Amino acid sequence: MYFDYQEAVEYIAEIYKKKDKPTVEEITKLSGNIDFDPVIEDEIARLFRVLLKSARPKRVLEIGLSIGFSTLHIAKAIQEFDAKLITLEIDEEIAKVAKKNLENFNVGDIVEMRFGDAQKTIQEFESESFDVVFQDSSKRLYPVMLDECLRVLKKGGLFLIDDTLFPVMTPEDEWDDSDKAIHRFNQLVLERKLESTILPIGEGCTVAVKL
């Protein structure tokens, strides 16, 4: 028996609408007219809350802040564990908007923002210093930063990656640099010491555990 995927997404969204607070739509409105990179979908935010409540992390690294939507949901999920979330962002103007959004939902105190090129900033952290790493930066950086992401992640830690189904969204002969980078990244993940899967939600979400 098969079901219509979009109908399923809409049904689930209706079921969970009271739990999915704030939603992408709400945070987008709060952020005003500023241009920003796309953020995770509500269904991925929901998945992250479940995973993080189970993992009970003490230190989380997010690569790619944007307007702070994923940051907000990660922070809300780990707040009760006396945890710390460090987020990397290159655009300080967009970070000002994110900071206000986080403060509006009373999670600004557990979030530390670091600015600059994520490729360089991540090198400042000690090996195996994070329980969870979430990659949602420029797609061309995914394969380039993979090994550094795994270096700072503890054994048994969660590695979460957004947008990993970009390659199926356009025909292969029309792939741009982002599609090619994500395809390469997906191949590399299989070569690393990870137990992983790609979930067909949002624009694709990879969930992996470092072995």
C-alpha atoms as a PDB file:
ATOM      1  CA  MET A   1       0.000   0.000   0.000  1.00  0.00           C
ATOM      2  CA  TYR A   2       1.362   3.410  -0.970  1.00  0.00           C
ATOM      3  CA  PHE A   3       0.431   6.923   0.122  1.00  0.00           C
ATOM      4  CA  ASP A   4       0.934  10.361  -1.382  1.00  0.00           C
ATOM      5  CA  TYR A   5       4.085  11.838   0.177  1.00  0.00           C
ATOM      6  CA  GLN A   6       2.897  15.462   0.138  1.00  0.00           C
ATOM      7  CA  GLU A   7      -0.440  14.504   1.663  1.00  0.00           C
ATOM      8  CA  ALA A   8       1.455  12.666   4.397  1.00  0.00           C
ATOM      9  CA  VAL A   9       3.606  15.737   5.094  1.00  0.00           C
ATOM     10  CA  GLU A  10       0.507  17.919   5.354  1.00  0.00           C
ATOM     11  CA  TYR A  11      -1.296  15.409   7.583  1.00  0.00           C
ATOM     12  CA  ILE A  12       1.652  15.165   9.960  1.00  0.00           C
ATOM     13  CA  ALA A  13       2.026  18.966  10.024  1.00  0.00           C
ATOM     14  CA  GLU A  14      -1.637  19.292  10.992  1.00  0.00           C
ATOM     15  CA  ILE A  15      -1.273  16.694  13.737  1.00  0.00           C
ATOM     16  CA  TYR A  16       1.799  18.384  15.221  1.00  0.00           C
ATOM     17  CA  LYS A  17       0.931  22.025  14.607  1.00  0.00           C
ATOM     18  CA  LYS A  18       0.525  22.778  18.315  1.00  0.00           C
ATOM     19  CA  LYS A  19       3.908  21.194  19.118  1.00  0.00           C
ATOM     20  CA  ASP A  20       5.874  22.764  16.254  1.00  0.00           C
ATOM     21  CA  LYS A  21       6.381  26.124  17.901  1.00  0.00           C
ATOM     22  CA  PRO A  22       7.832  28.275  16.552  1.00  0.00           C
ATOM     23  CA  THR A  23       7.386  27.268  12.930  1.00  0.00           C
ATOM     24  CA  VAL A  24       9.524  28.290   9.966  1.00  0.00           C
ATOM     25  CA  GLU A  25       6.754  30.671   8.931  1.00  0.00           C
ATOM     26  CA  GLU A  26       6.654  32.341  12.341  1.00  0.00           C
ATOM     27  CA  ILE A  27      10.420  32.843  12.560  1.00  0.00           C
ATOM     28  CA  THR A  28      10.558  34.108   8.988  1.00  0.00           C
ATOM     29  CA  LYS A  29       7.954  36.770   9.834  1.00  0.00           C
ATOM     30  CA  LEU A  30       9.844  37.759  12.987  1.00  0.00           C
ATOM     31  CA  SER A  31      13.027  38.141  10.946  1.00  0.00           C
ATOM     32  CA  GLY A  32      11.612  40.880   8.724  1.00  0.00           C
ATOM     33  CA  ASN A  33      12.714  41.475   5.146  1.00  0.00           C
ATOM     34  CA  ILE A  34      16.338  40.425   5.484  1.00  0.00           C
ATOM     35  CA  ASP A  35      17.703  38.015   2.876  1.00  0.00           C
ATOM     36  CA  PHE A  36      18.795  34.720   4.413  1.00  0.00           C
ATOM     37  CA  ASP A  37      19.844  31.231   3.419  1.00  0.00           C
ATOM     38  CA  PRO A  38      17.060  28.620   3.527  1.00  0.00           C
ATOM     39  CA  VAL A  39      16.573  26.943   6.901  1.00  0.00           C
ATOM     40  CA  ILE A  40      15.457  23.454   7.911  1.00  0.00           C
ATOM     41  CA  GLU A  41      11.810  22.514   7.552  1.00  0.00           C
ATOM     42  CA  ASP A  42       9.425  22.050  10.477  1.00  0.00           C
ATOM     43  CA  GLU A  43       9.536  18.266  10.116  1.00  0.00           C
ATOM     44  CA  ILE A  44      13.335  18.249  10.434  1.00  0.00           C
ATOM     45  CA  ALA A  45      13.169  20.515  13.485  1.00  0.00           C
ATOM     46  CA  ARG A  46      10.768  17.967  14.983  1.00  0.00           C
ATOM     47  CA  LEU A  47      13.144  15.099  14.193  1.00  0.00           C
ATOM     48  CA  PHE A  48      16.041  16.965  15.797  1.00  0.00           C
ATOM     49  CA  ARG A  49      14.076  17.570  18.989  1.00  0.00           C
ATOM     50  CA  VAL A  50      13.384  13.844  19.316  1.00  0.00           C
ATOM     51  CA  LEU A  51      16.993  12.836  18.605  1.00  0.00           C
ATOM     52  CA  LEU A  52      18.464  15.425  20.949  1.00  0.00           C
ATOM     53  CA  LYS A  53      16.106  14.616  23.802  1.00  0.00           C
ATOM     54  CA  SER A  54      17.270  11.017  23.503  1.00  0.00           C
ATOM     55  CA  ALA A  55      20.981  11.812  23.127  1.00  0.00           C
ATOM     56  CA  ARG A  56      21.040  14.311  26.033  1.00  0.00           C
ATOM     57  CA  PRO A  57      24.152  16.099  24.721  1.00  0.00           C
ATOM     58  CA  LYS A  58      26.302  18.517  26.697  1.00  0.00           C
ATOM     59  CA  ARG A  59      27.977  20.207  23.723  1.00  0.00           C
ATOM     60  CA  VAL A  60      26.512  20.740  20.262  1.00  0.00           C
ATOM     61  CA  LEU A  61      28.159  22.321  17.224  1.00  0.00           C
ATOM     62  CA  GLU A  62      26.024  23.887  14.498  1.00  0.00           C
ATOM     63  CA  ILE A  63      27.637  24.973  11.223  1.00  0.00           C
ATOM     64  CA  GLY A  64      25.402  27.569   9.581  1.00  0.00           C
ATOM     65  CA  LEU A  65      23.223  29.850  11.737  1.00  0.00           C
ATOM     66  CA  SER A  66      21.130  31.854   9.239  1.00  0.00           C
ATOM     67  CA  ILE A  67      18.124  33.394  11.074  1.00  0.00           C
ATOM     68  CA  GLY A  68      18.470  30.921  13.921  1.00  0.00           C
ATOM     69  CA  PHE A  69      15.540  28.590  13.254  1.00  0.00           C
ATOM     70  CA  SER A  70      17.434  25.317  13.655  1.00  0.00           C
ATOM     71  CA  THR A  71      19.516  26.935  16.406  1.00  0.00           C
ATOM     72  CA  LEU A  72      16.350  27.756  18.306  1.00  0.00           C
ATOM     73  CA  HIS A  73      14.938  24.236  18.141  1.00  0.00           C
ATOM     74  CA  ILE A  74      18.266  22.640  19.047  1.00  0.00           C
ATOM     75  CA  ALA A  75      18.643  25.007  21.996  1.00  0.00           C
ATOM     76  CA  LYS A  76      15.115  24.330  23.236  1.00  0.00           C
ATOM     77  CA  ALA A  77      15.736  20.583  23.034  1.00  0.00           C
ATOM     78  CA  ILE A  78      18.987  20.645  25.041  1.00  0.00           C
ATOM     79  CA  GLN A  79      18.174  23.446  27.460  1.00  0.00           C
ATOM     80  CA  GLU A  80      17.219  21.091  30.289  1.00  0.00           C
ATOM     81  CA  PHE A  81      20.563  19.258  30.111  1.00  0.00           C
ATOM     82  CA  ASP A  82      22.667  22.292  31.102  1.00  0.00           C
ATOM     83  CA  ALA A  83      24.163  22.062  27.620  1.00  0.00           C
ATOM     84  CA  LYS A  84      26.021  24.469  25.359  1.00  0.00           C
ATOM     85  CA  LEU A  85      25.364  25.127  21.667  1.00  0.00           C
ATOM     86  CA  ILE A  86      28.110  26.718  19.592  1.00  0.00           C
ATOM     87  CA  THR A  87      27.059  27.958  16.173  1.00  0.00           C
ATOM     88  CA  LEU A  88      29.341  29.090  13.339  1.00  0.00           C
ATOM     89  CA  GLU A  89      28.304  31.862  10.955  1.00  0.00           C
ATOM     90  CA  ILE A  90      30.133  34.006   8.420  1.00  0.00           C
ATOM     91  CA  ASP A  91      27.471  36.738   8.097  1.00  0.00           C
ATOM     92  CA  GLU A  92      27.420  38.940  11.202  1.00  0.00           C
ATOM     93  CA  GLU A  93      24.397  40.942  10.002  1.00  0.00           C
ATOM     94  CA  ILE A  94      22.181  37.871   9.717  1.00  0.00           C
ATOM     95  CA  ALA A  95      23.495  36.768  13.118  1.00  0.00           C
ATOM     96  CA  LYS A  96      22.054  39.926  14.688  1.00  0.00           C
ATOM     97  CA  VAL A  97      18.605  38.837  13.503  1.00  0.00           C
ATOM     98  CA  ALA A  98      19.174  35.307  14.782  1.00  0.00           C
ATOM     99  CA  LYS A  99      20.283  36.660  18.167  1.00  0.00           C
ATOM    100  CA  LYS A 100      17.004  38.554  18.565  1.00  0.00           C
ATOM    101  CA  ASN A 101      15.016  35.459  17.597  1.00  0.00           C
ATOM    102  CA  LEU A 102      16.850  33.370  20.175  1.00  0.00           C
ATOM    103  CA  GLU A 103      16.355  35.979  22.879  1.00  0.00           C
ATOM    104  CA  ASN A 104      12.634  36.190  22.066  1.00  0.00           C
ATOM    105  CA  PHE A 105      12.340  32.500  22.964  1.00  0.00           C
ATOM    106  CA  ASN A 106      14.619  32.660  26.019  1.00  0.00           C
ATOM    107  CA  VAL A 107      17.427  30.441  24.752  1.00  0.00           C
ATOM    108  CA  GLY A 108      20.041  33.055  23.933  1.00  0.00           C
ATOM    109  CA  ASP A 109      22.022  32.276  27.079  1.00  0.00           C
ATOM    110  CA  ILE A 110      23.013  28.755  25.994  1.00  0.00           C
ATOM    111  CA  VAL A 111      24.053  29.728  22.456  1.00  0.00           C
ATOM    112  CA  GLU A 112      27.548  30.955  21.618  1.00  0.00           C
ATOM    113  CA  MET A 113      28.080  32.500  18.176  1.00  0.00           C
ATOM    114  CA  ARG A 114      31.451  32.422  16.441  1.00  0.00           C
ATOM    115  CA  PHE A 115      32.075  34.330  13.241  1.00  0.00           C
ATOM    116  CA  GLY A 116      34.292  33.690  10.258  1.00  0.00           C
ATOM    117  CA  ASP A 117      35.020  31.021   7.679  1.00  0.00           C
ATOM    118  CA  ALA A 118      33.721  27.745   9.140  1.00  0.00           C
ATOM    119  CA  GLN A 119      36.560  25.821   7.496  1.00  0.00           C
ATOM    120  CA  LYS A 120      39.007  27.727   9.685  1.00  0.00           C
ATOM    121  CA  THR A 121      36.875  28.211  12.787  1.00  0.00           C
ATOM    122  CA  ILE A 122      36.226  24.501  13.256  1.00  0.00           C
ATOM    123  CA  GLN A 123      39.971  23.923  13.518  1.00  0.00           C
ATOM    124  CA  GLU A 124      39.953  25.824  16.826  1.00  0.00           C
ATOM    125  CA  PHE A 125      38.092  23.025  18.584  1.00  0.00           C
ATOM    126  CA  GLU A 126      39.718  20.039  20.261  1.00  0.00           C
ATOM    127  CA  SER A 127      39.193  16.559  18.872  1.00  0.00           C
ATOM    128  CA  GLU A 128      36.103  14.697  20.137  1.00  0.00           C
ATOM    129  CA  SER A 129      34.809  17.795  21.930  1.00  0.00           C
ATOM    130  CA  PHE A 130      31.170  17.665  20.755  1.00  0.00           C
ATOM    131  CA  ASP A 131      28.345  15.185  21.343  1.00  0.00           C
ATOM    132  CA  VAL A 132      26.417  16.392  18.274  1.00  0.00           C
ATOM    133  CA  VAL A 133      27.497  18.141  15.070  1.00  0.00           C
ATOM    134  CA  PHE A 134      24.933  19.648  12.694  1.00  0.00           C
ATOM    135  CA  GLN A 135      26.145  20.624   9.206  1.00  0.00           C
ATOM    136  CA  ASP A 136      24.017  23.173   7.328  1.00  0.00           C
ATOM    137  CA  SER A 137      26.571  25.522   5.790  1.00  0.00           C
ATOM    138  CA  SER A 138      27.369  26.254   2.144  1.00  0.00           C
ATOM    139  CA  LYS A 139      26.841  22.996   0.268  1.00  0.00           C
ATOM    140  CA  ARG A 140      30.236  23.192  -1.445  1.00  0.00           C
ATOM    141  CA  LEU A 141      31.799  22.908   2.017  1.00  0.00           C
ATOM    142  CA  TYR A 142      30.119  19.609   2.888  1.00  0.00           C
ATOM    143  CA  PRO A 143      32.738  17.272   1.390  1.00  0.00           C
ATOM    144  CA  VAL A 144      35.575  19.665   2.271  1.00  0.00           C
ATOM    145  CA  MET A 145      34.627  19.838   5.953  1.00  0.00           C
ATOM    146  CA  LEU A 146      33.539  16.240   6.489  1.00  0.00           C
ATOM    147  CA  ASP A 147      36.705  15.023   8.160  1.00  0.00           C
ATOM    148  CA  GLU A 148      36.930  18.055  10.443  1.00  0.00           C
ATOM    149  CA  CYS A 149      33.300  17.524  11.482  1.00  0.00           C
ATOM    150  CA  LEU A 150      34.129  13.948  12.381  1.00  0.00           C
ATOM    151  CA  ARG A 151      37.342  14.937  14.152  1.00  0.00           C
ATOM    152  CA  VAL A 152      35.517  17.169  16.638  1.00  0.00           C
ATOM    153  CA  LEU A 153      32.666  14.686  17.122  1.00  0.00           C
ATOM    154  CA  LYS A 154      32.897  12.186  19.963  1.00  0.00           C
ATOM    155  CA  LYS A 155      32.709   8.470  19.294  1.00  0.00           C
ATOM    156  CA  GLY A 156      29.044   7.533  19.516  1.00  0.00           C
ATOM    157  CA  GLY A 157      28.077  11.118  18.754  1.00  0.00           C
ATOM    158  CA  LEU A 158      25.319  12.246  16.388  1.00  0.00           C
ATOM    159  CA  PHE A 159      26.174  13.775  13.021  1.00  0.00           C
ATOM    160  CA  LEU A 160      23.196  15.539  11.426  1.00  0.00           C
ATOM    161  CA  ILE A 161      23.282  16.982   7.910  1.00  0.00           C
ATOM    162  CA  ASP A 162      20.618  18.968   6.058  1.00  0.00           C
ATOM    163  CA  ASP A 163      19.860  19.109   2.309  1.00  0.00           C
ATOM    164  CA  THR A 164      21.423  15.763   1.384  1.00  0.00           C
ATOM    165  CA  LEU A 165      18.852  15.001  -1.315  1.00  0.00           C
ATOM    166  CA  PHE A 166      19.751  17.998  -3.462  1.00  0.00           C
ATOM    167  CA  PRO A 167      21.024  15.637  -6.215  1.00  0.00           C
ATOM    168  CA  VAL A 168      17.575  14.094  -6.793  1.00  0.00           C
ATOM    169  CA  MET A 169      15.850  17.450  -7.130  1.00  0.00           C
ATOM    170  CA  THR A 170      17.235  18.093 -10.625  1.00  0.00           C
ATOM    171  CA  PRO A 171      18.333  15.816 -13.505  1.00  0.00           C
ATOM    172  CA  GLU A 172      21.990  14.787 -13.229  1.00  0.00           C
ATOM    173  CA  ASP A 173      22.966  16.600 -16.440  1.00  0.00           C
ATOM    174  CA  GLU A 174      21.662  19.847 -14.885  1.00  0.00           C
ATOM    175  CA  TRP A 175      23.473  19.567 -11.545  1.00  0.00           C
ATOM    176  CA  ASP A 176      25.111  22.745 -10.285  1.00  0.00           C
ATOM    177  CA  ASP A 177      28.109  22.895  -7.937  1.00  0.00           C
ATOM    178  CA  SER A 178      25.922  22.376  -4.851  1.00  0.00           C
ATOM    179  CA  ASP A 179      24.310  19.233  -6.278  1.00  0.00           C
ATOM    180  CA  LYS A 180      27.715  17.815  -7.209  1.00  0.00           C
ATOM    181  CA  ALA A 181      29.171  18.639  -3.799  1.00  0.00           C
ATOM    182  CA  ILE A 182      26.281  16.975  -1.970  1.00  0.00           C
ATOM    183  CA  HIS A 183      26.527  13.880  -4.173  1.00  0.00           C
ATOM    184  CA  ARG A 184      30.236  13.640  -3.420  1.00  0.00           C
ATOM    185  CA  PHE A 185      29.548  14.165   0.275  1.00  0.00           C
ATOM    186  CA  ASN A 186      26.950  11.372   0.329  1.00  0.00           C
ATOM    187  CA  GLN A 187      29.509   9.030  -1.217  1.00  0.00           C
ATOM    188  CA  LEU A 188      32.200  10.031   1.269  1.00  0.00           C
ATOM    189  CA  VAL A 189      29.898   9.429   4.250  1.00  0.00           C
ATOM    190  CA  LEU A 190      29.715   5.769   3.246  1.00  0.00           C
ATOM    191  CA  GLU A 191      33.519   5.559   3.320  1.00  0.00           C
ATOM    192  CA  ARG A 192      33.856   6.914   6.867  1.00  0.00           C
ATOM    193  CA  LYS A 193      33.346   5.134  10.181  1.00  0.00           C
ATOM    194  CA  LEU A 194      29.691   6.041  10.436  1.00  0.00           C
ATOM    195  CA  GLU A 195      26.355   4.273  10.730  1.00  0.00           C
ATOM    196  CA  SER A 196      24.072   6.457   8.652  1.00  0.00           C
ATOM    197  CA  THR A 197      20.891   6.862   6.673  1.00  0.00           C
ATOM    198  CA  ILE A 198      19.333   9.554   4.503  1.00  0.00           C
ATOM    199  CA  LEU A 199      15.745  10.403   5.375  1.00  0.00           C
ATOM    200  CA  PRO A 200      13.487  11.756   2.585  1.00  0.00           C
ATOM    201  CA  ILE A 201      12.101  14.637   4.623  1.00  0.00           C
ATOM    202  CA  GLY A 202      12.508  18.301   3.804  1.00  0.00           C
ATOM    203  CA  GLU A 203      15.237  18.424   1.166  1.00  0.00           C
ATOM    204  CA  GLY A 204      16.900  15.356   2.636  1.00  0.00           C
ATOM    205  CA  CYS A 205      18.366  14.820   6.093  1.00  0.00           C
ATOM    206  CA  THR A 206      21.236  12.491   6.927  1.00  0.00           C
ATOM    207  CA  VAL A 207      21.390  11.043  10.431  1.00  0.00           C
ATOM    208  CA  ALA A 208      24.648   9.342  11.371  1.00  0.00           C
ATOM    209  CA  VAL A 209      26.444   7.980  14.422  1.00  0.00           C
ATOM    210  CA  LYS A 210      30.233   8.018  14.661  1.00  0.00           C
ATOM    211  CA  LEU A 211      31.584   4.511  15.214  1.00  0.00           C
END
